[in-house]
Amino acid sequence: MVRTLLRRRKSSVDPEDVTVVDKPQVRRAVSAAALGNTMEWFDFGVYAYVAATLGKVFFPSSSPGAQVISTFATFAAAFLVRPLGGLVFGPLGDRIGRQRVLAATMIMMAISTFAVGFLPSYDAIGLAAPLLLLLCRLVQGFSTGGEYAGATTYIAEYSPDRKRGFLGSWLDFGTFVGYSLGSSLVTVLTAVLSEDQMLSWGWRIPFYVAGPLGLIGLYMRMKLEETPAFQEVEAKHKEAQDGGTEEDPVEQARMSGKGRLKELFTHHWEAILICMGLVLLYNVTNYMVTSYLPTYMTSTLGEPSLTAQLLVLGTMVLVVLTITTVGRSSDRFGRRPMFLWAGAAMVVLAIPAFLLIKQGGILMPAIGCVILGLLLVCFAGTSASTLPALFPTHLRYGGLSVAFNVSVSLFGGTTPLIASAMVESTGDKMVPAYYLMAAGIIGVISAFFLRETAGKPLRGSSHMVEDEAQARQLVAHSRTRAGRRARDVWIGLRHGRLPRHHERKGDE
């Protein structure tokens, strides 16, 4: 009898605790989420590659160095409002659903990016031109505050536990495909158009492409359903409401936007700090390579624009080709080791990589770019499966939105601005390498405190499997383990040893 009670006390997985995913719906969810990131980073790729041109169009009275800094300041301004977007869209996504918020962010992003192509130049309307550019960037930043966190949450909540790393990597696959498409288009325009043509009308073409991309992405997102995890939480909340005559005022306050934020900062501050550290490592590397490196090679090192663009574009192609392999590897070896080893490698290899880039020519800079690209893909292929697992379901969108966007705003999006300003003021061309080393140290510290989540269900969610056979195998294996634990406790009691309770409770 005691043994039976002990067996019951030891948790096992019941069939109703396992969700079998709908594979076609998973493919649609991954595709729609990735397409939103594709469009977002199409804009970033374009903006990074035409930074020098935009500086001449919107800040013509400045020196070349000041033009670059002014353009990147406008670029960075969008990141300053991202936390506001996260504070609005994150808790909203936890309250009304992921799908509707993702559709709204897609609309805002498409309109604001498309509008940049229609802006008059400084010569046409004076100071109003850069102010309108700033306004478009602010709208983009606000909408992006709910985009990446929502997309990662959506994919993570649809993915089987054993494939969350692989499926999540497709989100950042869309990121770098978008960047590659945007940078490729600008590279082609730079090659076929004269400088005067680029200044006159050529720079507008890439922004016009954002309109059709946005319509396609919006159509795909409107066809999506809510995630199983969110539906599960909603069902429990509705059941609790139906069970009583009136909702508990305390619970009602806790489920409000302010209540969720209060719970987030009081009970999940460790997860926020870990998330911010990992995001810092990923995004400092990301924006250093994608947004600053083309300008660094042309404006600081004096390389031809076409050479710099091709080198960085080649780096992006390398990332695209390897990112899903990295995601699959994180399912096998774990998220924590990927971040730890890649962060340590960043500390060691940042200086050699930039020394190679400074050599000039093609071969040495190409090797330096490959080193940075391989480090970047380790973070990019792992982040989308790691970050959502830090937070429970009812706070996941909001928690990830706040932590992600604060970190990106303070450290990621400002990377091009800070790097260019420090190079300009100090004259030290190795400043970007030092910046990457500092990011690597912070990332390693954050990864050290990261709890491994590969192959495990998300916090507060049921197990996710691909088919009924895996569900039966999971239940059987869980019951076998529970029986063995009960047997060990029973044997211990017979020998006078009290059971030890070191098992971690499930997240709520």
Protein backbone atom coordinates (compact mmCIF):
# COMPACT_ATOMS: atom_id res chain seq x y z
CA MET A 1 0.00 0.00 0.00
CA VAL A 2 2.77 2.40 0.92
CA ARG A 3 4.52 1.52 -2.31
CA THR A 4 1.35 2.28 -4.28
CA LEU A 5 1.01 5.65 -2.58
CA LEU A 6 4.64 6.43 -3.29
CA ARG A 7 4.16 5.49 -6.93
CA ARG A 8 1.24 7.88 -7.16
CA ARG A 9 3.23 10.64 -5.49
CA LYS A 10 5.94 10.33 -8.11
CA SER A 11 4.72 12.24 -11.13
CA SER A 12 4.33 10.47 -14.44
CA VAL A 13 3.00 11.66 -17.77
CA ASP A 14 -0.63 10.82 -18.52
CA PRO A 15 -1.95 10.57 -22.10
CA GLU A 16 -3.96 13.78 -21.64
CA ASP A 17 -0.72 15.59 -20.77
CA VAL A 18 0.69 14.96 -24.26
CA THR A 19 -0.23 17.00 -27.36
CA VAL A 20 0.27 15.51 -30.81
CA VAL A 21 1.05 18.36 -33.20
CA ASP A 22 -0.72 18.94 -36.50
CA LYS A 23 2.20 18.74 -38.95
CA PRO A 24 0.63 20.85 -41.77
CA GLN A 25 -0.29 23.51 -39.22
CA VAL A 26 3.25 23.47 -37.85
CA ARG A 27 4.64 24.05 -41.35
CA ARG A 28 2.22 26.97 -41.88
CA ALA A 29 3.12 28.45 -38.49
CA VAL A 30 6.86 28.27 -39.16
CA SER A 31 6.48 29.69 -42.68
CA ALA A 32 4.27 32.62 -41.64
CA ALA A 33 6.45 33.54 -38.65
CA ALA A 34 9.64 33.29 -40.68
CA LEU A 35 8.22 35.44 -43.48
CA GLY A 36 7.59 38.29 -41.03
CA ASN A 37 11.22 38.17 -39.98
CA THR A 38 12.23 37.99 -43.64
CA MET A 39 10.49 41.27 -44.31
CA GLU A 40 11.86 42.93 -41.18
CA TRP A 41 15.42 42.01 -42.06
CA PHE A 42 14.96 42.82 -45.71
CA ASP A 43 14.57 46.37 -44.48
CA PHE A 44 17.66 46.09 -42.23
CA GLY A 45 19.74 44.72 -45.10
CA VAL A 46 18.67 47.53 -47.36
CA TYR A 47 19.23 50.18 -44.69
CA ALA A 48 22.72 48.90 -43.84
CA TYR A 49 23.81 48.70 -47.47
CA VAL A 50 22.46 52.11 -48.51
CA ALA A 51 23.56 53.88 -45.30
CA ALA A 52 26.16 55.98 -47.11
CA THR A 53 23.65 56.86 -49.85
CA LEU A 54 20.94 57.75 -47.34
CA GLY A 55 23.41 59.97 -45.53
CA LYS A 56 23.95 61.98 -48.72
CA VAL A 57 20.20 62.15 -49.48
CA PHE A 58 18.97 63.15 -46.01
CA PHE A 59 22.08 64.75 -44.40
CA PRO A 60 23.90 66.38 -47.34
CA SER A 61 25.51 69.23 -45.38
CA SER A 62 27.51 66.93 -43.08
CA SER A 63 30.97 65.46 -43.54
CA PRO A 64 31.13 61.84 -44.78
CA GLY A 65 31.84 60.57 -41.26
CA ALA A 66 29.03 62.65 -39.77
CA GLN A 67 26.67 61.47 -42.51
CA VAL A 68 27.28 57.85 -41.55
CA ILE A 69 26.84 58.61 -37.85
CA SER A 70 23.62 60.56 -38.55
CA THR A 71 22.22 57.71 -40.64
CA PHE A 72 23.04 55.15 -37.97
CA ALA A 73 21.59 57.45 -35.31
CA THR A 74 18.30 57.35 -37.21
CA PHE A 75 18.74 53.58 -37.44
CA ALA A 76 19.33 53.37 -33.68
CA ALA A 77 16.35 55.60 -32.89
CA ALA A 78 14.02 52.82 -34.02
CA PHE A 79 15.50 50.60 -31.33
CA LEU A 80 14.84 53.11 -28.58
CA VAL A 81 11.07 52.68 -29.04
CA ARG A 82 11.23 48.89 -29.32
CA PRO A 83 10.78 48.41 -25.54
CA LEU A 84 7.60 50.49 -25.78
CA GLY A 85 6.35 48.21 -28.51
CA GLY A 86 7.31 45.22 -26.38
CA LEU A 87 5.45 46.61 -23.36
CA VAL A 88 2.33 47.08 -25.50
CA PHE A 89 2.36 44.04 -27.78
CA GLY A 90 3.87 41.50 -25.35
CA PRO A 91 1.21 41.53 -22.60
CA LEU A 92 -1.44 42.03 -25.29
CA GLY A 93 -0.27 38.84 -27.01
CA ASP A 94 -0.56 36.97 -23.70
CA ARG A 95 -4.11 38.27 -23.23
CA ILE A 96 -5.77 38.18 -26.67
CA GLY A 97 -3.54 35.70 -28.48
CA ARG A 98 -0.34 35.51 -30.49
CA GLN A 99 -1.90 35.37 -33.96
CA ARG A 100 -3.82 38.65 -33.85
CA VAL A 101 -0.87 40.62 -32.49
CA LEU A 102 1.48 39.17 -35.12
CA ALA A 103 -0.94 40.25 -37.85
CA ALA A 104 -1.00 43.80 -36.43
CA THR A 105 2.80 44.08 -36.26
CA MET A 106 3.05 42.87 -39.87
CA ILE A 107 0.70 45.63 -41.09
CA MET A 108 2.60 48.38 -39.26
CA MET A 109 5.97 47.14 -40.43
CA ALA A 110 4.94 46.85 -44.08
CA ILE A 111 3.39 50.32 -44.24
CA SER A 112 6.27 52.12 -42.52
CA THR A 113 8.95 50.39 -44.63
CA PHE A 114 7.03 50.98 -47.86
CA ALA A 115 6.63 54.67 -46.98
CA VAL A 116 10.40 55.25 -46.79
CA GLY A 117 10.60 54.80 -50.56
CA PHE A 118 8.29 57.80 -51.07
CA LEU A 119 10.08 60.26 -48.79
CA PRO A 120 11.33 63.50 -50.40
CA SER A 121 15.02 64.29 -50.10
CA TYR A 122 16.64 67.02 -47.99
CA ASP A 123 17.09 69.13 -51.11
CA ALA A 124 13.33 69.02 -51.72
CA ILE A 125 11.86 69.84 -48.28
CA GLY A 126 14.86 70.55 -46.05
CA LEU A 127 14.85 69.47 -42.39
CA ALA A 128 11.44 67.81 -42.75
CA ALA A 129 13.06 65.03 -44.83
CA PRO A 130 15.22 63.49 -42.07
CA LEU A 131 12.36 64.02 -39.60
CA LEU A 132 10.02 61.98 -41.81
CA LEU A 133 12.70 59.29 -42.13
CA LEU A 134 12.95 59.25 -38.35
CA LEU A 135 9.15 58.94 -38.03
CA CYS A 136 9.09 55.91 -40.35
CA ARG A 137 11.91 54.31 -38.40
CA LEU A 138 10.07 54.90 -35.11
CA VAL A 139 6.95 53.16 -36.43
CA GLN A 140 9.11 50.29 -37.65
CA GLY A 141 10.78 50.02 -34.26
CA PHE A 142 7.48 50.10 -32.38
CA SER A 143 6.00 47.31 -34.49
CA THR A 144 9.19 45.27 -34.30
CA GLY A 145 8.87 45.41 -30.51
CA GLY A 146 6.19 42.75 -30.80
CA GLU A 147 7.46 40.93 -33.88
CA TYR A 148 10.45 38.76 -32.97
CA ALA A 149 9.21 37.82 -29.49
CA GLY A 150 5.81 36.92 -30.90
CA ALA A 151 7.24 34.91 -33.77
CA THR A 152 9.60 32.93 -31.52
CA THR A 153 6.78 32.30 -29.05
CA TYR A 154 4.49 31.15 -31.84
CA ILE A 155 6.98 28.68 -33.33
CA ALA A 156 8.13 27.40 -29.93
CA GLU A 157 4.55 26.70 -28.82
CA TYR A 158 3.82 24.79 -32.02
CA SER A 159 7.01 22.73 -32.14
CA PRO A 160 7.49 19.16 -30.88
CA ASP A 161 9.83 19.12 -27.89
CA ARG A 162 12.47 17.07 -29.71
CA LYS A 163 12.53 19.40 -32.74
CA ARG A 164 12.12 22.82 -31.18
CA GLY A 165 15.70 23.81 -31.97
CA PHE A 166 15.45 22.76 -35.61
CA LEU A 167 12.05 24.38 -36.24
CA GLY A 168 12.97 27.51 -34.29
CA SER A 169 16.08 27.98 -36.41
CA TRP A 170 13.85 28.52 -39.44
CA LEU A 171 12.73 31.82 -37.91
CA ASP A 172 16.25 33.21 -38.03
CA PHE A 173 16.71 31.48 -41.38
CA GLY A 174 14.02 33.91 -42.55
CA THR A 175 15.94 36.71 -40.85
CA PHE A 176 19.10 36.14 -42.85
CA VAL A 177 17.27 35.33 -46.06
CA GLY A 178 15.56 38.71 -45.74
CA TYR A 179 18.87 40.43 -45.07
CA SER A 180 20.48 38.61 -47.99
CA LEU A 181 17.64 39.56 -50.34
CA GLY A 182 17.79 43.21 -49.29
CA SER A 183 21.57 43.43 -49.48
CA SER A 184 21.63 41.52 -52.79
CA LEU A 185 19.17 43.94 -54.33
CA VAL A 186 21.23 46.94 -53.21
CA THR A 187 24.42 45.25 -54.45
CA VAL A 188 22.88 44.73 -57.88
CA LEU A 189 21.64 48.32 -58.00
CA THR A 190 25.08 49.57 -56.98
CA ALA A 191 26.67 47.54 -59.78
CA VAL A 192 24.28 48.58 -62.57
CA LEU A 193 23.47 52.18 -61.63
CA SER A 194 25.74 55.19 -61.47
CA GLU A 195 26.24 57.07 -58.21
CA ASP A 196 24.01 59.91 -59.41
CA GLN A 197 21.24 57.46 -60.30
CA MET A 198 21.47 55.81 -56.89
CA LEU A 199 21.25 59.21 -55.18
CA SER A 200 18.38 60.33 -57.38
CA TRP A 201 16.02 57.35 -57.40
CA GLY A 202 17.86 54.02 -57.14
CA TRP A 203 17.84 53.90 -53.33
CA ARG A 204 14.03 53.95 -53.32
CA ILE A 205 13.53 50.69 -55.24
CA PRO A 206 14.32 48.28 -52.36
CA PHE A 207 11.79 49.99 -50.10
CA TYR A 208 9.06 49.65 -52.72
CA VAL A 209 9.51 45.88 -52.61
CA ALA A 210 8.42 45.87 -48.95
CA GLY A 211 4.79 46.53 -49.92
CA PRO A 212 4.12 43.24 -51.76
CA LEU A 213 6.16 41.29 -49.19
CA GLY A 214 4.00 42.72 -46.43
CA LEU A 215 0.76 41.76 -48.17
CA ILE A 216 1.95 38.18 -48.62
CA GLY A 217 3.04 37.95 -44.98
CA LEU A 218 -0.25 39.43 -43.73
CA TYR A 219 -2.27 36.95 -45.80
CA MET A 220 -0.33 34.00 -44.36
CA ARG A 221 -0.66 35.21 -40.78
CA MET A 222 -4.39 35.80 -41.07
CA LYS A 223 -4.77 32.11 -41.97
CA LEU A 224 -3.06 30.90 -38.80
CA GLU A 225 -4.71 29.45 -35.70
CA GLU A 226 -3.73 30.05 -32.10
CA THR A 227 -0.98 27.91 -30.60
CA PRO A 228 -1.90 24.78 -28.59
CA ALA A 229 -0.19 26.18 -25.49
CA PHE A 230 -2.21 29.42 -25.58
CA GLN A 231 -5.44 27.51 -26.23
CA GLU A 232 -4.66 25.30 -23.23
CA VAL A 233 -4.20 28.30 -20.94
CA GLU A 234 -7.35 29.94 -22.30
CA ALA A 235 -9.35 26.74 -21.77
CA LYS A 236 -8.21 26.49 -18.14
CA HIS A 237 -9.01 30.17 -17.56
CA LYS A 238 -12.47 29.76 -19.08
CA GLU A 239 -13.08 26.61 -17.03
CA ALA A 240 -12.15 28.48 -13.86
CA GLN A 241 -14.53 31.30 -14.81
CA ASP A 242 -17.38 28.91 -15.58
CA GLY A 243 -16.85 27.15 -12.26
CA GLY A 244 -17.64 30.24 -10.17
CA THR A 245 -20.29 32.90 -10.19
CA GLU A 246 -17.82 35.77 -10.35
CA GLU A 247 -14.13 36.01 -11.16
CA ASP A 248 -11.79 36.55 -8.25
CA PRO A 249 -10.70 40.23 -8.24
CA VAL A 250 -7.16 39.22 -7.27
CA GLU A 251 -6.93 36.79 -10.18
CA GLN A 252 -8.49 39.37 -12.49
CA ALA A 253 -5.82 41.90 -11.51
CA ARG A 254 -3.07 39.30 -11.96
CA MET A 255 -4.24 38.53 -15.50
CA SER A 256 -4.32 42.20 -16.54
CA GLY A 257 -1.46 43.81 -18.45
CA LYS A 258 -0.09 45.53 -15.34
CA GLY A 259 -0.56 42.41 -13.27
CA ARG A 260 1.42 40.31 -15.72
CA LEU A 261 4.26 42.83 -15.80
CA LYS A 262 4.35 42.95 -12.00
CA GLU A 263 4.49 39.15 -11.79
CA LEU A 264 7.18 39.12 -14.46
CA PHE A 265 9.52 41.48 -12.64
CA THR A 266 8.90 40.12 -9.15
CA HIS A 267 8.99 36.36 -9.81
CA HIS A 268 10.91 35.97 -13.08
CA TRP A 269 13.68 38.57 -12.86
CA GLU A 270 16.38 35.89 -13.17
CA ALA A 271 14.90 34.73 -16.48
CA ILE A 272 14.81 38.35 -17.67
CA LEU A 273 18.51 38.87 -16.87
CA ILE A 274 19.54 35.60 -18.55
CA CYS A 275 17.45 36.46 -21.59
CA MET A 276 18.95 39.95 -21.84
CA GLY A 277 22.50 38.58 -21.62
CA LEU A 278 21.95 35.99 -24.36
CA VAL A 279 20.15 38.51 -26.55
CA LEU A 280 23.01 40.97 -26.06
CA LEU A 281 25.54 38.39 -27.27
CA TYR A 282 23.44 37.41 -30.30
CA ASN A 283 22.42 40.89 -31.37
CA VAL A 284 25.72 42.71 -30.85
CA THR A 285 27.29 40.08 -33.11
CA ASN A 286 24.37 40.26 -35.50
CA TYR A 287 24.29 44.03 -35.96
CA MET A 288 28.06 44.27 -35.99
CA VAL A 289 28.22 41.91 -38.97
CA THR A 290 25.03 42.80 -40.83
CA SER A 291 24.64 46.54 -40.24
CA TYR A 292 28.07 47.95 -39.39
CA LEU A 293 30.59 45.77 -41.22
CA PRO A 294 29.71 46.97 -44.77
CA THR A 295 30.13 50.61 -43.71
CA TYR A 296 33.24 49.81 -41.64
CA MET A 297 34.96 48.23 -44.63
CA THR A 298 34.13 51.11 -46.97
CA SER A 299 34.24 54.24 -44.79
CA THR A 300 36.93 53.17 -42.29
CA LEU A 301 39.13 50.78 -44.26
CA GLY A 302 38.61 52.35 -47.69
CA GLU A 303 37.55 49.15 -49.45
CA PRO A 304 35.43 49.43 -52.63
CA SER A 305 31.70 49.33 -51.88
CA LEU A 306 31.09 46.36 -54.16
CA THR A 307 33.87 44.31 -52.48
CA ALA A 308 32.55 45.01 -48.98
CA GLN A 309 28.98 44.23 -50.00
CA LEU A 310 29.94 40.94 -51.62
CA LEU A 311 32.00 39.83 -48.60
CA VAL A 312 29.20 40.49 -46.12
CA LEU A 313 26.64 39.01 -48.49
CA GLY A 314 28.77 35.86 -48.72
CA THR A 315 28.83 35.73 -44.92
CA MET A 316 25.04 35.89 -44.84
CA VAL A 317 24.79 33.07 -47.38
CA LEU A 318 27.06 30.98 -45.12
CA VAL A 319 24.76 31.67 -42.17
CA VAL A 320 21.67 30.75 -44.21
CA LEU A 321 23.22 27.46 -45.35
CA THR A 322 24.25 26.36 -41.86
CA ILE A 323 21.62 27.76 -39.50
CA THR A 324 19.17 24.84 -39.55
CA THR A 325 22.06 22.42 -38.98
CA VAL A 326 22.97 24.41 -35.87
CA GLY A 327 19.34 24.34 -34.74
CA ARG A 328 19.19 20.56 -35.15
CA SER A 329 22.50 20.23 -33.27
CA SER A 330 21.05 22.19 -30.33
CA ASP A 331 18.29 19.57 -30.09
CA ARG A 332 20.94 16.90 -29.82
CA PHE A 333 23.67 18.52 -27.73
CA GLY A 334 21.68 21.16 -25.83
CA ARG A 335 21.20 24.94 -25.93
CA ARG A 336 23.48 25.71 -23.01
CA PRO A 337 26.67 24.17 -24.50
CA MET A 338 26.07 25.99 -27.79
CA PHE A 339 25.95 29.39 -26.10
CA LEU A 340 28.81 28.63 -23.71
CA TRP A 341 31.30 27.43 -26.30
CA ALA A 342 30.35 29.97 -28.97
CA GLY A 343 30.53 32.83 -26.45
CA ALA A 344 33.98 31.71 -25.33
CA ALA A 345 35.07 31.43 -28.97
CA MET A 346 33.89 35.00 -29.55
CA VAL A 347 36.20 36.26 -26.79
CA VAL A 348 39.15 34.41 -28.33
CA LEU A 349 38.51 34.99 -32.05
CA ALA A 350 37.14 38.55 -32.30
CA ILE A 351 40.56 40.21 -32.57
CA PRO A 352 41.99 37.69 -35.10
CA ALA A 353 38.86 38.09 -37.23
CA PHE A 354 39.16 41.88 -37.45
CA LEU A 355 42.90 41.71 -38.00
CA LEU A 356 42.18 39.57 -41.05
CA ILE A 357 39.49 41.97 -42.26
CA LYS A 358 41.96 44.86 -41.96
CA GLN A 359 44.44 43.15 -44.30
CA GLY A 360 42.60 44.29 -47.41
CA GLY A 361 42.07 42.43 -50.65
CA ILE A 362 39.69 39.50 -50.83
CA LEU A 363 41.14 36.35 -49.22
CA MET A 364 42.09 37.56 -45.73
CA PRO A 365 38.93 39.65 -45.17
CA ALA A 366 36.87 36.71 -46.45
CA ILE A 367 38.40 34.41 -43.81
CA GLY A 368 37.70 37.01 -41.12
CA CYS A 369 34.08 37.29 -42.28
CA VAL A 370 33.71 33.50 -42.25
CA ILE A 371 34.90 33.39 -38.62
CA LEU A 372 32.35 36.01 -37.60
CA GLY A 373 29.64 34.28 -39.64
CA LEU A 374 30.24 30.90 -37.98
CA LEU A 375 30.10 32.49 -34.53
CA LEU A 376 26.94 34.39 -35.43
CA VAL A 377 25.14 31.27 -36.68
CA CYS A 378 25.76 29.50 -33.35
CA PHE A 379 23.68 32.17 -31.61
CA ALA A 380 21.16 32.64 -34.42
CA GLY A 381 20.38 28.94 -34.77
CA THR A 382 19.81 28.47 -31.03
CA SER A 383 18.09 31.63 -29.76
CA ALA A 384 14.55 31.03 -31.04
CA SER A 385 14.29 27.74 -29.13
CA THR A 386 16.16 28.92 -26.02
CA LEU A 387 14.55 32.25 -25.17
CA PRO A 388 10.82 31.30 -25.12
CA ALA A 389 11.61 28.38 -22.79
CA LEU A 390 12.72 30.84 -20.10
CA PHE A 391 9.16 31.99 -19.34
CA PRO A 392 5.85 30.25 -18.46
CA THR A 393 3.04 30.22 -21.02
CA HIS A 394 0.86 32.97 -19.55
CA LEU A 395 3.86 35.36 -19.43
CA ARG A 396 5.92 34.09 -22.37
CA TYR A 397 5.10 36.70 -25.02
CA GLY A 398 5.30 39.60 -22.57
CA GLY A 399 8.42 38.40 -20.77
CA LEU A 400 10.30 37.73 -23.98
CA SER A 401 9.14 41.03 -25.53
CA VAL A 402 10.36 43.09 -22.59
CA ALA A 403 13.70 41.33 -22.04
CA PHE A 404 14.50 40.96 -25.74
CA ASN A 405 13.65 44.52 -26.76
CA VAL A 406 15.34 46.24 -23.82
CA SER A 407 18.54 44.33 -24.55
CA VAL A 408 18.37 44.93 -28.30
CA SER A 409 17.62 48.62 -27.79
CA LEU A 410 20.44 49.26 -25.35
CA PHE A 411 23.12 47.07 -26.90
CA GLY A 412 22.13 45.54 -30.25
CA GLY A 413 20.63 48.31 -32.35
CA THR A 414 23.08 50.87 -30.99
CA THR A 415 26.07 48.74 -32.02
CA PRO A 416 26.62 50.43 -35.43
CA LEU A 417 26.25 53.90 -33.87
CA ILE A 418 28.58 53.23 -30.92
CA ALA A 419 31.16 51.40 -33.02
CA SER A 420 31.28 54.09 -35.72
CA ALA A 421 31.41 56.91 -33.16
CA MET A 422 34.21 55.25 -31.14
CA VAL A 423 36.26 54.52 -34.25
CA GLU A 424 35.78 58.13 -35.36
CA SER A 425 36.75 59.57 -31.96
CA THR A 426 39.63 57.23 -31.01
CA GLY A 427 41.03 56.40 -34.42
CA ASP A 428 41.40 52.77 -33.25
CA LYS A 429 40.11 50.49 -36.00
CA MET A 430 40.02 47.49 -33.64
CA VAL A 431 37.22 48.93 -31.47
CA PRO A 432 34.60 46.59 -33.04
CA ALA A 433 36.65 43.57 -31.94
CA TYR A 434 36.84 44.82 -28.35
CA TYR A 435 33.10 45.40 -28.38
CA LEU A 436 32.48 41.82 -29.52
CA MET A 437 34.78 40.46 -26.80
CA ALA A 438 32.81 42.29 -24.11
CA ALA A 439 29.58 40.86 -25.53
CA GLY A 440 31.14 37.38 -25.48
CA ILE A 441 32.02 37.65 -21.79
CA ILE A 442 28.48 38.74 -20.87
CA GLY A 443 27.02 35.93 -22.98
CA VAL A 444 29.17 33.27 -21.31
CA ILE A 445 28.11 34.47 -17.85
CA SER A 446 24.44 34.37 -18.88
CA ALA A 447 24.76 30.90 -20.42
CA PHE A 448 26.38 29.61 -17.23
CA PHE A 449 23.10 30.25 -15.36
CA LEU A 450 20.92 28.92 -18.19
CA ARG A 451 18.89 25.79 -17.39
CA GLU A 452 18.97 23.18 -20.16
CA THR A 453 15.61 22.88 -21.97
CA ALA A 454 16.42 20.79 -25.06
CA GLY A 455 13.90 17.97 -25.52
CA LYS A 456 11.74 19.18 -22.61
CA PRO A 457 8.27 20.79 -22.66
CA LEU A 458 7.97 24.54 -22.36
CA ARG A 459 7.30 25.93 -18.91
CA GLY A 460 3.63 25.59 -18.05
CA SER A 461 2.85 23.64 -21.25
CA SER A 462 2.13 20.01 -21.97
CA HIS A 463 4.52 17.68 -23.80
CA MET A 464 4.52 18.13 -27.58
CA VAL A 465 5.20 15.14 -29.86
CA GLU A 466 5.01 14.46 -33.60
CA ASP A 467 2.71 11.41 -33.66
CA GLU A 468 0.69 8.97 -31.58
CA ALA A 469 3.55 6.46 -31.44
CA GLN A 470 5.82 9.03 -29.76
CA ALA A 471 3.01 9.91 -27.35
CA ARG A 472 2.58 6.27 -26.28
CA GLN A 473 6.35 5.87 -25.96
CA LEU A 474 6.60 9.00 -23.80
CA VAL A 475 3.81 7.89 -21.48
CA ALA A 476 5.23 4.37 -21.13
CA HIS A 477 8.76 5.63 -20.50
CA SER A 478 7.51 8.14 -17.92
CA ARG A 479 5.55 5.48 -16.03
CA THR A 480 8.56 3.18 -16.03
CA ARG A 481 10.74 5.91 -14.53
CA ALA A 482 8.06 6.73 -11.94
CA GLY A 483 7.90 3.07 -10.96
CA ARG A 484 11.66 2.88 -10.57
CA ARG A 485 11.71 5.98 -8.40
CA ALA A 486 8.94 4.55 -6.21
CA ARG A 487 10.86 1.27 -5.92
CA ASP A 488 14.01 3.13 -4.83
CA VAL A 489 12.06 5.05 -2.19
CA TRP A 490 10.41 1.84 -0.97
CA ILE A 491 13.78 0.12 -0.62
CA GLY A 492 15.12 3.14 1.21
CA LEU A 493 12.22 3.08 3.66
CA ARG A 494 12.78 -0.61 4.35
CA HIS A 495 16.38 0.20 5.27
CA GLY A 496 15.39 3.15 7.45
CA ARG A 497 16.32 5.91 4.97
CA LEU A 498 13.86 8.75 4.51
CA PRO A 499 13.17 9.83 0.89
CA ARG A 500 14.79 13.03 -0.30
CA HIS A 501 12.70 15.52 -2.23
CA HIS A 502 15.03 17.11 -4.75
CA GLU A 503 12.73 16.98 -7.73
CA ARG A 504 11.96 20.30 -9.24
CA LYS A 505 8.30 21.16 -9.39
CA GLY A 506 6.75 21.83 -12.74
CA ASP A 507 6.39 25.44 -13.74
CA GLU A 508 3.07 27.07 -13.35
